[in-house]
């Protein structure tokens, strides 16, 4: 299994298939390395793109961002 993350397209260039093309290129590389399963974390903006490509939801995750003044250390002290 390999992961694909942080695929993004500048707002002015969206809707041209660039994100889809980059994701397919990453999948081709992974398959070439012998992997048969690709996973990714999709933003709300990218969700439909990946859904059209055939990805499906197997789990959801929650991203926690501390409010201003709450510290923000990623690891416990």
C-alpha atoms as a PDB file:
ATOM      1  CA  UNK A   1       0.000   0.000   0.000  1.00  0.00           C
ATOM      2  CA  UNK A   2       1.251   3.484  -0.791  1.00  0.00           C
ATOM      3  CA  UNK A   3      -0.128   6.914  -0.003  1.00  0.00           C
ATOM      4  CA  UNK A   4      -0.790   9.997  -2.070  1.00  0.00           C
ATOM      5  CA  UNK A   5      -1.043  13.313  -0.274  1.00  0.00           C
ATOM      6  CA  UNK A   6      -0.969  17.070  -0.777  1.00  0.00           C
ATOM      7  CA  UNK A   7      -2.095  17.092  -4.410  1.00  0.00           C
ATOM      8  CA  UNK A   8      -3.176  20.608  -5.214  1.00  0.00           C
ATOM      9  CA  UNK A   9      -3.897  22.879  -8.132  1.00  0.00           C
ATOM     10  CA  UNK A  10      -3.742  26.663  -8.215  1.00  0.00           C
ATOM     11  CA  UNK A  11      -7.240  28.158  -8.232  1.00  0.00           C
ATOM     12  CA  UNK A  12      -6.702  29.761 -11.649  1.00  0.00           C
ATOM     13  CA  UNK A  13      -5.819  26.369 -13.158  1.00  0.00           C
ATOM     14  CA  UNK A  14      -8.537  24.186 -11.608  1.00  0.00           C
ATOM     15  CA  UNK A  15     -10.948  22.270 -13.790  1.00  0.00           C
ATOM     16  CA  UNK A  16      -8.360  21.343 -16.398  1.00  0.00           C
ATOM     17  CA  UNK A  17      -7.582  17.856 -15.112  1.00  0.00           C
ATOM     18  CA  UNK A  18      -4.154  18.696 -13.697  1.00  0.00           C
ATOM     19  CA  UNK A  19      -4.828  17.239 -10.237  1.00  0.00           C
ATOM     20  CA  UNK A  20      -6.290  14.112 -11.798  1.00  0.00           C
ATOM     21  CA  UNK A  21      -3.258  13.751 -14.085  1.00  0.00           C
ATOM     22  CA  UNK A  22      -0.820  14.181 -11.178  1.00  0.00           C
ATOM     23  CA  UNK A  23      -2.705  11.598  -9.136  1.00  0.00           C
ATOM     24  CA  UNK A  24      -2.767   9.084 -12.013  1.00  0.00           C
ATOM     25  CA  UNK A  25       0.978   9.628 -12.491  1.00  0.00           C
ATOM     26  CA  UNK A  26       1.579   8.850  -8.804  1.00  0.00           C
ATOM     27  CA  UNK A  27      -0.588   5.729  -9.092  1.00  0.00           C
ATOM     28  CA  UNK A  28       1.371   4.550 -12.138  1.00  0.00           C
ATOM     29  CA  UNK A  29       4.628   4.961 -10.235  1.00  0.00           C
ATOM     30  CA  UNK A  30       3.257   3.035  -7.246  1.00  0.00           C
ATOM     31  CA  UNK A  31       2.025   0.218  -9.474  1.00  0.00           C
ATOM     32  CA  UNK A  32       5.421   0.154 -11.169  1.00  0.00           C
ATOM     33  CA  UNK A  33       6.999  -0.351  -7.755  1.00  0.00           C
ATOM     34  CA  UNK A  34       4.736  -3.352  -7.164  1.00  0.00           C
ATOM     35  CA  UNK A  35       2.020  -1.778  -5.023  1.00  0.00           C
ATOM     36  CA  UNK A  36      -1.601  -2.724  -5.664  1.00  0.00           C
ATOM     37  CA  UNK A  37      -3.387  -0.398  -3.223  1.00  0.00           C
ATOM     38  CA  UNK A  38      -3.250   3.410  -3.111  1.00  0.00           C
ATOM     39  CA  UNK A  39      -4.626   5.448  -0.223  1.00  0.00           C
ATOM     40  CA  UNK A  40      -5.104   9.181   0.117  1.00  0.00           C
ATOM     41  CA  UNK A  41      -6.620  11.826   2.317  1.00  0.00           C
ATOM     42  CA  UNK A  42      -8.997  14.010   0.338  1.00  0.00           C
ATOM     43  CA  UNK A  43     -10.015  17.544   1.180  1.00  0.00           C
ATOM     44  CA  UNK A  44     -13.595  18.602   0.588  1.00  0.00           C
ATOM     45  CA  UNK A  45     -12.353  20.373  -2.529  1.00  0.00           C
ATOM     46  CA  UNK A  46     -10.677  17.264  -3.949  1.00  0.00           C
ATOM     47  CA  UNK A  47     -13.155  14.634  -2.815  1.00  0.00           C
ATOM     48  CA  UNK A  48     -15.207  14.534  -6.026  1.00  0.00           C
ATOM     49  CA  UNK A  49     -12.063  14.340  -8.157  1.00  0.00           C
ATOM     50  CA  UNK A  50     -10.921  11.199  -6.337  1.00  0.00           C
ATOM     51  CA  UNK A  51     -14.418   9.739  -6.302  1.00  0.00           C
ATOM     52  CA  UNK A  52     -14.580  10.062 -10.109  1.00  0.00           C
ATOM     53  CA  UNK A  53     -11.204   8.313 -10.296  1.00  0.00           C
ATOM     54  CA  UNK A  54     -12.642   5.315  -8.430  1.00  0.00           C
ATOM     55  CA  UNK A  55     -11.424   5.941  -4.890  1.00  0.00           C
ATOM     56  CA  UNK A  56     -13.907   5.128  -2.147  1.00  0.00           C
ATOM     57  CA  UNK A  57     -14.181   6.019   1.512  1.00  0.00           C
ATOM     58  CA  UNK A  58     -12.871   3.336   3.853  1.00  0.00           C
ATOM     59  CA  UNK A  59     -12.493   5.569   6.912  1.00  0.00           C
ATOM     60  CA  UNK A  60     -12.706   9.190   7.973  1.00  0.00           C
ATOM     61  CA  UNK A  61     -10.294  11.211  10.054  1.00  0.00           C
ATOM     62  CA  UNK A  62     -10.570  14.347  12.131  1.00  0.00           C
ATOM     63  CA  UNK A  63      -7.986  17.094  11.907  1.00  0.00           C
ATOM     64  CA  UNK A  64      -7.502  19.020  15.138  1.00  0.00           C
ATOM     65  CA  UNK A  65      -6.218  22.567  14.992  1.00  0.00           C
ATOM     66  CA  UNK A  66      -5.858  24.334  18.359  1.00  0.00           C
ATOM     67  CA  UNK A  67      -7.531  27.706  18.714  1.00  0.00           C
ATOM     68  CA  UNK A  68      -5.334  30.775  19.126  1.00  0.00           C
ATOM     69  CA  UNK A  69      -3.806  30.842  22.591  1.00  0.00           C
ATOM     70  CA  UNK A  70      -4.196  27.093  23.213  1.00  0.00           C
ATOM     71  CA  UNK A  71      -0.541  26.321  22.650  1.00  0.00           C
ATOM     72  CA  UNK A  72      -0.325  24.241  19.555  1.00  0.00           C
ATOM     73  CA  UNK A  73       2.424  21.780  20.400  1.00  0.00           C
ATOM     74  CA  UNK A  74       1.963  18.714  18.177  1.00  0.00           C
ATOM     75  CA  UNK A  75       3.519  16.373  20.761  1.00  0.00           C
ATOM     76  CA  UNK A  76       3.045  16.179  24.523  1.00  0.00           C
ATOM     77  CA  UNK A  77       5.846  17.659  26.607  1.00  0.00           C
END
